[in-house]
PDB file of all heavy atoms in Angstrom:
ATOM      1  N   ILE A   1      12.344  -3.698 -13.350  1.00  0.00           N
ATOM      2  CA  ILE A   1      13.516  -3.375 -12.526  1.00  0.00           C
ATOM      3  C   ILE A   1      13.396  -4.091 -11.187  1.00  0.00           C
ATOM      4  O   ILE A   1      12.333  -4.098 -10.563  1.00  0.00           O
ATOM      5  CB  ILE A   1      13.630  -1.858 -12.285  1.00  0.00           C
ATOM      6  CG1 ILE A   1      13.688  -1.098 -13.603  1.00  0.00           C
ATOM      7  CG2 ILE A   1      14.835  -1.540 -11.412  1.00  0.00           C
ATOM      8  CD1 ILE A   1      13.609   0.401 -13.426  1.00  0.00           C
ATOM      9  N   PHE A   2      14.500  -4.674 -10.733  1.00  0.00           N
ATOM     10  CA  PHE A   2      14.596  -5.207  -9.369  1.00  0.00           C
ATOM     11  C   PHE A   2      15.960  -4.787  -8.837  1.00  0.00           C
ATOM     12  O   PHE A   2      16.976  -5.412  -9.114  1.00  0.00           O
ATOM     13  CB  PHE A   2      14.443  -6.736  -9.368  1.00  0.00           C
ATOM     14  CG  PHE A   2      14.352  -7.328  -7.983  1.00  0.00           C
ATOM     15  CD1 PHE A   2      13.311  -6.979  -7.143  1.00  0.00           C
ATOM     16  CD2 PHE A   2      15.313  -8.218  -7.527  1.00  0.00           C
ATOM     17  CE1 PHE A   2      13.224  -7.512  -5.877  1.00  0.00           C
ATOM     18  CE2 PHE A   2      15.233  -8.755  -6.260  1.00  0.00           C
ATOM     19  CZ  PHE A   2      14.185  -8.408  -5.430  1.00  0.00           C
ATOM     20  N   SER A   3      15.986  -3.643  -8.098  1.00  0.00           N
ATOM     21  CA  SER A   3      17.260  -3.047  -7.696  1.00  0.00           C
ATOM     22  C   SER A   3      17.424  -3.083  -6.186  1.00  0.00           C
ATOM     23  O   SER A   3      16.453  -3.027  -5.429  1.00  0.00           O
ATOM     24  CB  SER A   3      17.346  -1.593  -8.183  1.00  0.00           C
ATOM     25  OG  SER A   3      16.279  -0.841  -7.678  1.00  0.00           O
ATOM     26  N   ALA A   4      18.681  -3.158  -5.722  1.00  0.00           N
ATOM     27  CA  ALA A   4      19.000  -3.251  -4.302  1.00  0.00           C
ATOM     28  C   ALA A   4      18.895  -1.887  -3.629  1.00  0.00           C
ATOM     29  O   ALA A   4      18.849  -0.837  -4.285  1.00  0.00           O
ATOM     30  CB  ALA A   4      20.400  -3.816  -4.132  1.00  0.00           C
ATOM     31  N   HIS A   5      18.851  -1.913  -2.301  1.00  0.00           N
ATOM     32  CA  HIS A   5      18.863  -0.681  -1.501  1.00  0.00           C
ATOM     33  C   HIS A   5      20.092   0.143  -1.828  1.00  0.00           C
ATOM     34  O   HIS A   5      21.207  -0.373  -1.940  1.00  0.00           O
ATOM     35  CB  HIS A   5      18.841  -1.050  -0.020  1.00  0.00           C
ATOM     36  CG  HIS A   5      19.054   0.107   0.892  1.00  0.00           C
ATOM     37  ND1 HIS A   5      18.080   1.037   1.142  1.00  0.00           N
ATOM     38  CD2 HIS A   5      20.154   0.477   1.625  1.00  0.00           C
ATOM     39  CE1 HIS A   5      18.557   1.938   1.987  1.00  0.00           C
ATOM     40  NE2 HIS A   5      19.802   1.609   2.299  1.00  0.00           N
ATOM     41  N   GLU A   6      19.907   1.459  -2.038  1.00  0.00           N
ATOM     42  CA  GLU A   6      20.936   2.449  -2.365  1.00  0.00           C
ATOM     43  C   GLU A   6      21.516   2.283  -3.770  1.00  0.00           C
ATOM     44  O   GLU A   6      22.484   2.939  -4.121  1.00  0.00           O
ATOM     45  CB  GLU A   6      22.074   2.428  -1.324  1.00  0.00           C
ATOM     46  CG  GLU A   6      21.632   2.923   0.052  1.00  0.00           C
ATOM     47  CD  GLU A   6      22.784   3.052   1.027  1.00  0.00           C
ATOM     48  OE1 GLU A   6      23.820   2.405   0.804  1.00  0.00           O
ATOM     49  OE2 GLU A   6      22.626   3.799   2.011  1.00  0.00           O
ATOM     50  N   GLU A   7      20.924   1.438  -4.593  1.00  0.00           N
ATOM     51  CA  GLU A   7      21.353   1.326  -5.988  1.00  0.00           C
ATOM     52  C   GLU A   7      20.724   2.449  -6.786  1.00  0.00           C
ATOM     53  O   GLU A   7      19.539   2.757  -6.641  1.00  0.00           O
ATOM     54  CB  GLU A   7      20.941  -0.021  -6.573  1.00  0.00           C
ATOM     55  CG  GLU A   7      21.426  -0.226  -8.006  1.00  0.00           C
ATOM     56  CD  GLU A   7      21.039  -1.589  -8.563  1.00  0.00           C
ATOM     57  OE1 GLU A   7      20.530  -2.436  -7.782  1.00  0.00           O
ATOM     58  OE2 GLU A   7      21.228  -1.814  -9.772  1.00  0.00           O
ATOM     59  N   ARG A   8      21.531   3.087  -7.668  1.00  0.00           N
ATOM     60  CA  ARG A   8      21.051   4.209  -8.481  1.00  0.00           C
ATOM     61  C   ARG A   8      20.622   3.704  -9.858  1.00  0.00           C
ATOM     62  O   ARG A   8      21.327   2.911 -10.482  1.00  0.00           O
ATOM     63  CB  ARG A   8      22.133   5.277  -8.630  1.00  0.00           C
ATOM     64  CG  ARG A   8      22.493   5.927  -7.299  1.00  0.00           C
ATOM     65  CD  ARG A   8      23.514   7.040  -7.475  1.00  0.00           C
ATOM     66  NE  ARG A   8      23.863   7.630  -6.195  1.00  0.00           N
ATOM     67  CZ  ARG A   8      23.184   8.620  -5.616  1.00  0.00           C
ATOM     68  NH1 ARG A   8      22.130   9.121  -6.234  1.00  0.00           N
ATOM     69  NH2 ARG A   8      23.560   9.106  -4.453  1.00  0.00           N
ATOM     70  N   ILE A   9      19.470   4.209 -10.329  1.00  0.00           N
ATOM     71  CA  ILE A   9      18.912   3.819 -11.619  1.00  0.00           C
ATOM     72  C   ILE A   9      18.702   5.082 -12.450  1.00  0.00           C
ATOM     73  O   ILE A   9      18.175   6.081 -11.969  1.00  0.00           O
ATOM     74  CB  ILE A   9      17.569   3.084 -11.447  1.00  0.00           C
ATOM     75  CG1 ILE A   9      17.736   1.839 -10.579  1.00  0.00           C
ATOM     76  CG2 ILE A   9      16.981   2.713 -12.807  1.00  0.00           C
ATOM     77  CD1 ILE A   9      18.609   0.766 -11.166  1.00  0.00           C
ATOM     78  N   THR A  10      19.141   5.022 -13.730  1.00  0.00           N
ATOM     79  CA  THR A  10      18.953   6.151 -14.634  1.00  0.00           C
ATOM     80  C   THR A  10      17.877   5.813 -15.646  1.00  0.00           C
ATOM     81  O   THR A  10      17.940   4.783 -16.320  1.00  0.00           O
ATOM     82  CB  THR A  10      20.258   6.498 -15.363  1.00  0.00           C
ATOM     83  OG1 THR A  10      21.274   6.780 -14.398  1.00  0.00           O
ATOM     84  CG2 THR A  10      20.073   7.720 -16.255  1.00  0.00           C
ATOM     85  N   PHE A  11      16.866   6.682 -15.734  1.00  0.00           N
ATOM     86  CA  PHE A  11      15.761   6.504 -16.666  1.00  0.00           C
ATOM     87  C   PHE A  11      15.934   7.431 -17.864  1.00  0.00           C
ATOM     88  O   PHE A  11      16.791   8.333 -17.873  1.00  0.00           O
ATOM     89  CB  PHE A  11      14.434   6.808 -15.972  1.00  0.00           C
ATOM     90  CG  PHE A  11      14.104   5.883 -14.841  1.00  0.00           C
ATOM     91  CD1 PHE A  11      14.475   6.192 -13.532  1.00  0.00           C
ATOM     92  CD2 PHE A  11      13.431   4.697 -15.078  1.00  0.00           C
ATOM     93  CE1 PHE A  11      14.172   5.332 -12.491  1.00  0.00           C
ATOM     94  CE2 PHE A  11      13.121   3.831 -14.044  1.00  0.00           C
ATOM     95  CZ  PHE A  11      13.502   4.153 -12.751  1.00  0.00           C
ATOM     96  N   ALA A  12      15.093   7.227 -18.878  1.00  0.00           N
ATOM     97  CA  ALA A  12      15.035   8.109 -20.047  1.00  0.00           C
ATOM     98  C   ALA A  12      13.574   8.267 -20.430  1.00  0.00           C
ATOM     99  O   ALA A  12      12.739   7.394 -20.163  1.00  0.00           O
ATOM    100  CB  ALA A  12      15.843   7.529 -21.199  1.00  0.00           C
ATOM    101  N   CYS A  13      13.258   9.404 -21.057  1.00  0.00           N
ATOM    102  CA  CYS A  13      11.898   9.613 -21.533  1.00  0.00           C
ATOM    103  C   CYS A  13      11.653   8.770 -22.779  1.00  0.00           C
ATOM    104  O   CYS A  13      12.551   8.589 -23.611  1.00  0.00           O
ATOM    105  CB  CYS A  13      11.671  11.096 -21.873  1.00  0.00           C
ATOM    106  SG  CYS A  13      11.648  12.182 -20.423  1.00  0.00           S
ATOM    107  N   GLN A  14      10.454   8.237 -22.898  1.00  0.00           N
ATOM    108  CA  GLN A  14      10.088   7.503 -24.095  1.00  0.00           C
ATOM    109  C   GLN A  14      10.043   8.451 -25.287  1.00  0.00           C
ATOM    110  O   GLN A  14       9.914   9.665 -25.136  1.00  0.00           O
ATOM    111  CB  GLN A  14       8.734   6.807 -23.894  1.00  0.00           C
ATOM    112  CG  GLN A  14       8.775   5.708 -22.845  1.00  0.00           C
ATOM    113  CD  GLN A  14       7.421   5.061 -22.609  1.00  0.00           C
ATOM    114  OE1 GLN A  14       6.410   5.481 -23.180  1.00  0.00           O
ATOM    115  NE2 GLN A  14       7.395   4.038 -21.759  1.00  0.00           N
ATOM    116  N   ARG A  15      10.146   7.886 -26.471  1.00  0.00           N
ATOM    117  CA  ARG A  15      10.251   8.677 -27.706  1.00  0.00           C
ATOM    118  C   ARG A  15       9.082   9.678 -27.810  1.00  0.00           C
ATOM    119  O   ARG A  15       7.915   9.314 -27.630  1.00  0.00           O
ATOM    120  CB  ARG A  15      10.244   7.751 -28.917  1.00  0.00           C
ATOM    121  CG  ARG A  15      10.392   8.482 -30.278  1.00  0.00           C
ATOM    122  CD  ARG A  15      10.254   7.496 -31.413  1.00  0.00           C
ATOM    123  NE  ARG A  15      11.350   6.541 -31.396  1.00  0.00           N
ATOM    124  CZ  ARG A  15      12.521   6.705 -32.012  1.00  0.00           C
ATOM    125  NH1 ARG A  15      12.747   7.817 -32.696  1.00  0.00           N
ATOM    126  NH2 ARG A  15      13.449   5.778 -31.951  1.00  0.00           N
ATOM    127  N   GLY A  16       9.419  10.937 -28.067  1.00  0.00           N
ATOM    128  CA  GLY A  16       8.423  11.980 -28.254  1.00  0.00           C
ATOM    129  C   GLY A  16       7.928  12.619 -26.965  1.00  0.00           C
ATOM    130  O   GLY A  16       7.064  13.479 -27.007  1.00  0.00           O
ATOM    131  N   LYS A  17       8.454  12.195 -25.800  1.00  0.00           N
ATOM    132  CA  LYS A  17       8.022  12.752 -24.527  1.00  0.00           C
ATOM    133  C   LYS A  17       9.165  13.493 -23.849  1.00  0.00           C
ATOM    134  O   LYS A  17      10.341  13.226 -24.122  1.00  0.00           O
ATOM    135  CB  LYS A  17       7.491  11.639 -23.618  1.00  0.00           C
ATOM    136  CG  LYS A  17       6.262  10.952 -24.186  1.00  0.00           C
ATOM    137  CD  LYS A  17       5.674   9.939 -23.210  1.00  0.00           C
ATOM    138  CE  LYS A  17       4.411   9.310 -23.786  1.00  0.00           C
ATOM    139  NZ  LYS A  17       3.788   8.348 -22.860  1.00  0.00           N
ATOM    140  N   TYR A  18       8.771  14.419 -22.931  1.00  0.00           N
ATOM    141  CA  TYR A  18       9.765  15.265 -22.279  1.00  0.00           C
ATOM    142  C   TYR A  18       9.547  15.252 -20.766  1.00  0.00           C
ATOM    143  O   TYR A  18       8.424  15.145 -20.285  1.00  0.00           O
ATOM    144  CB  TYR A  18       9.669  16.700 -22.820  1.00  0.00           C
ATOM    145  CG  TYR A  18       9.910  16.786 -24.307  1.00  0.00           C
ATOM    146  CD1 TYR A  18       8.826  16.727 -25.192  1.00  0.00           C
ATOM    147  CD2 TYR A  18      11.199  16.892 -24.822  1.00  0.00           C
ATOM    148  CE1 TYR A  18       9.041  16.788 -26.563  1.00  0.00           C
ATOM    149  CE2 TYR A  18      11.418  16.959 -26.194  1.00  0.00           C
ATOM    150  CZ  TYR A  18      10.339  16.898 -27.061  1.00  0.00           C
ATOM    151  OH  TYR A  18      10.554  16.952 -28.407  1.00  0.00           O
ATOM    152  N   LEU A  19      10.649  15.381 -20.012  1.00  0.00           N
ATOM    153  CA  LEU A  19      10.615  15.321 -18.553  1.00  0.00           C
ATOM    154  C   LEU A  19       9.807  16.489 -17.981  1.00  0.00           C
ATOM    155  O   LEU A  19      10.019  17.645 -18.343  1.00  0.00           O
ATOM    156  CB  LEU A  19      12.041  15.349 -17.997  1.00  0.00           C
ATOM    157  CG  LEU A  19      12.187  15.255 -16.481  1.00  0.00           C
ATOM    158  CD1 LEU A  19      11.747  13.873 -15.996  1.00  0.00           C
ATOM    159  CD2 LEU A  19      13.633  15.518 -16.054  1.00  0.00           C
ATOM    160  N   THR A  20       8.869  16.146 -17.062  1.00  0.00           N
ATOM    161  CA  THR A  20       8.058  17.186 -16.417  1.00  0.00           C
ATOM    162  C   THR A  20       8.169  17.152 -14.894  1.00  0.00           C
ATOM    163  O   THR A  20       8.037  18.183 -14.243  1.00  0.00           O
ATOM    164  CB  THR A  20       6.573  17.025 -16.792  1.00  0.00           C
ATOM    165  OG1 THR A  20       6.129  15.719 -16.398  1.00  0.00           O
ATOM    166  CG2 THR A  20       6.359  17.205 -18.292  1.00  0.00           C
ATOM    167  N   VAL A  21       8.406  15.988 -14.299  1.00  0.00           N
ATOM    168  CA  VAL A  21       8.434  15.857 -12.840  1.00  0.00           C
ATOM    169  C   VAL A  21       9.609  14.979 -12.425  1.00  0.00           C
ATOM    170  O   VAL A  21       9.823  13.914 -13.003  1.00  0.00           O
ATOM    171  CB  VAL A  21       7.120  15.239 -12.306  1.00  0.00           C
ATOM    172  CG1 VAL A  21       7.175  15.118 -10.780  1.00  0.00           C
ATOM    173  CG2 VAL A  21       5.921  16.080 -12.715  1.00  0.00           C
ATOM    174  N   ASN A  22      10.362  15.432 -11.393  1.00  0.00           N
ATOM    175  CA  ASN A  22      11.464  14.690 -10.766  1.00  0.00           C
ATOM    176  C   ASN A  22      12.657  14.521 -11.704  1.00  0.00           C
ATOM    177  O   ASN A  22      12.609  14.882 -12.880  1.00  0.00           O
ATOM    178  CB  ASN A  22      11.000  13.319 -10.250  1.00  0.00           C
ATOM    179  CG  ASN A  22       9.899  13.457  -9.223  1.00  0.00           C
ATOM    180  OD1 ASN A  22       9.884  14.398  -8.440  1.00  0.00           O
ATOM    181  ND2 ASN A  22       8.960  12.522  -9.232  1.00  0.00           N
ATOM    182  N   GLU A  23      13.752  13.967 -11.148  1.00  0.00           N
ATOM    183  CA  GLU A  23      14.992  13.747 -11.893  1.00  0.00           C
ATOM    184  C   GLU A  23      14.946  12.398 -12.595  1.00  0.00           C
ATOM    185  O   GLU A  23      14.265  11.472 -12.156  1.00  0.00           O
ATOM    186  CB  GLU A  23      16.181  13.769 -10.920  1.00  0.00           C
ATOM    187  CG  GLU A  23      16.305  15.053 -10.111  1.00  0.00           C
ATOM    188  CD  GLU A  23      17.048  16.132 -10.871  1.00  0.00           C
ATOM    189  OE1 GLU A  23      17.762  15.796 -11.825  1.00  0.00           O
ATOM    190  OE2 GLU A  23      16.900  17.303 -10.497  1.00  0.00           O
ATOM    191  N   LEU A  24      15.726  12.279 -13.689  1.00  0.00           N
ATOM    192  CA  LEU A  24      15.790  11.010 -14.403  1.00  0.00           C
ATOM    193  C   LEU A  24      16.654   9.991 -13.674  1.00  0.00           C
ATOM    194  O   LEU A  24      16.492   8.785 -13.870  1.00  0.00           O
ATOM    195  CB  LEU A  24      16.325  11.230 -15.820  1.00  0.00           C
ATOM    196  CG  LEU A  24      15.359  11.927 -16.799  1.00  0.00           C
ATOM    197  CD1 LEU A  24      16.068  12.256 -18.101  1.00  0.00           C
ATOM    198  CD2 LEU A  24      14.142  11.059 -17.059  1.00  0.00           C
ATOM    199  N   ARG A  25      17.555  10.447 -12.814  1.00  0.00           N
ATOM    200  CA  ARG A  25      18.415   9.539 -12.066  1.00  0.00           C
ATOM    201  C   ARG A  25      17.880   9.457 -10.633  1.00  0.00           C
ATOM    202  O   ARG A  25      17.792  10.464  -9.936  1.00  0.00           O
ATOM    203  CB  ARG A  25      19.872  10.038 -12.069  1.00  0.00           C
ATOM    204  CG  ARG A  25      20.863   9.111 -11.391  1.00  0.00           C
ATOM    205  CD  ARG A  25      22.288   9.632 -11.609  1.00  0.00           C
ATOM    206  NE  ARG A  25      23.277   8.893 -10.848  1.00  0.00           N
ATOM    207  CZ  ARG A  25      23.825   7.737 -11.220  1.00  0.00           C
ATOM    208  NH1 ARG A  25      23.463   7.213 -12.383  1.00  0.00           N
ATOM    209  NH2 ARG A  25      24.724   7.127 -10.485  1.00  0.00           N
ATOM    210  N   GLN A  26      17.521   8.240 -10.186  1.00  0.00           N
ATOM    211  CA  GLN A  26      16.914   8.051  -8.879  1.00  0.00           C
ATOM    212  C   GLN A  26      17.628   6.936  -8.125  1.00  0.00           C
ATOM    213  O   GLN A  26      18.414   6.175  -8.704  1.00  0.00           O
ATOM    214  CB  GLN A  26      15.426   7.720  -9.012  1.00  0.00           C
ATOM    215  CG  GLN A  26      14.587   8.836  -9.591  1.00  0.00           C
ATOM    216  CD  GLN A  26      14.507  10.044  -8.674  1.00  0.00           C
ATOM    217  OE1 GLN A  26      14.706   9.935  -7.474  1.00  0.00           O
ATOM    218  NE2 GLN A  26      14.240  11.224  -9.244  1.00  0.00           N
ATOM    219  N   ILE A  27      17.339   6.858  -6.794  1.00  0.00           N
ATOM    220  CA  ILE A  27      17.995   5.885  -5.940  1.00  0.00           C
ATOM    221  C   ILE A  27      16.935   5.088  -5.184  1.00  0.00           C
ATOM    222  O   ILE A  27      15.892   5.627  -4.796  1.00  0.00           O
ATOM    223  CB  ILE A  27      18.964   6.582  -4.948  1.00  0.00           C
ATOM    224  CG1 ILE A  27      19.752   5.544  -4.138  1.00  0.00           C
ATOM    225  CG2 ILE A  27      18.225   7.534  -4.031  1.00  0.00           C
ATOM    226  CD1 ILE A  27      20.866   6.164  -3.307  1.00  0.00           C
TER     227      ILE A  27
END
């Protein structure tokens, strides 16, 4: 990833894993 200031990026968990810390959508 190479994103600009204030650009929002949406992540996803890899197969078989579940979210434990922080939000999937970050800035």
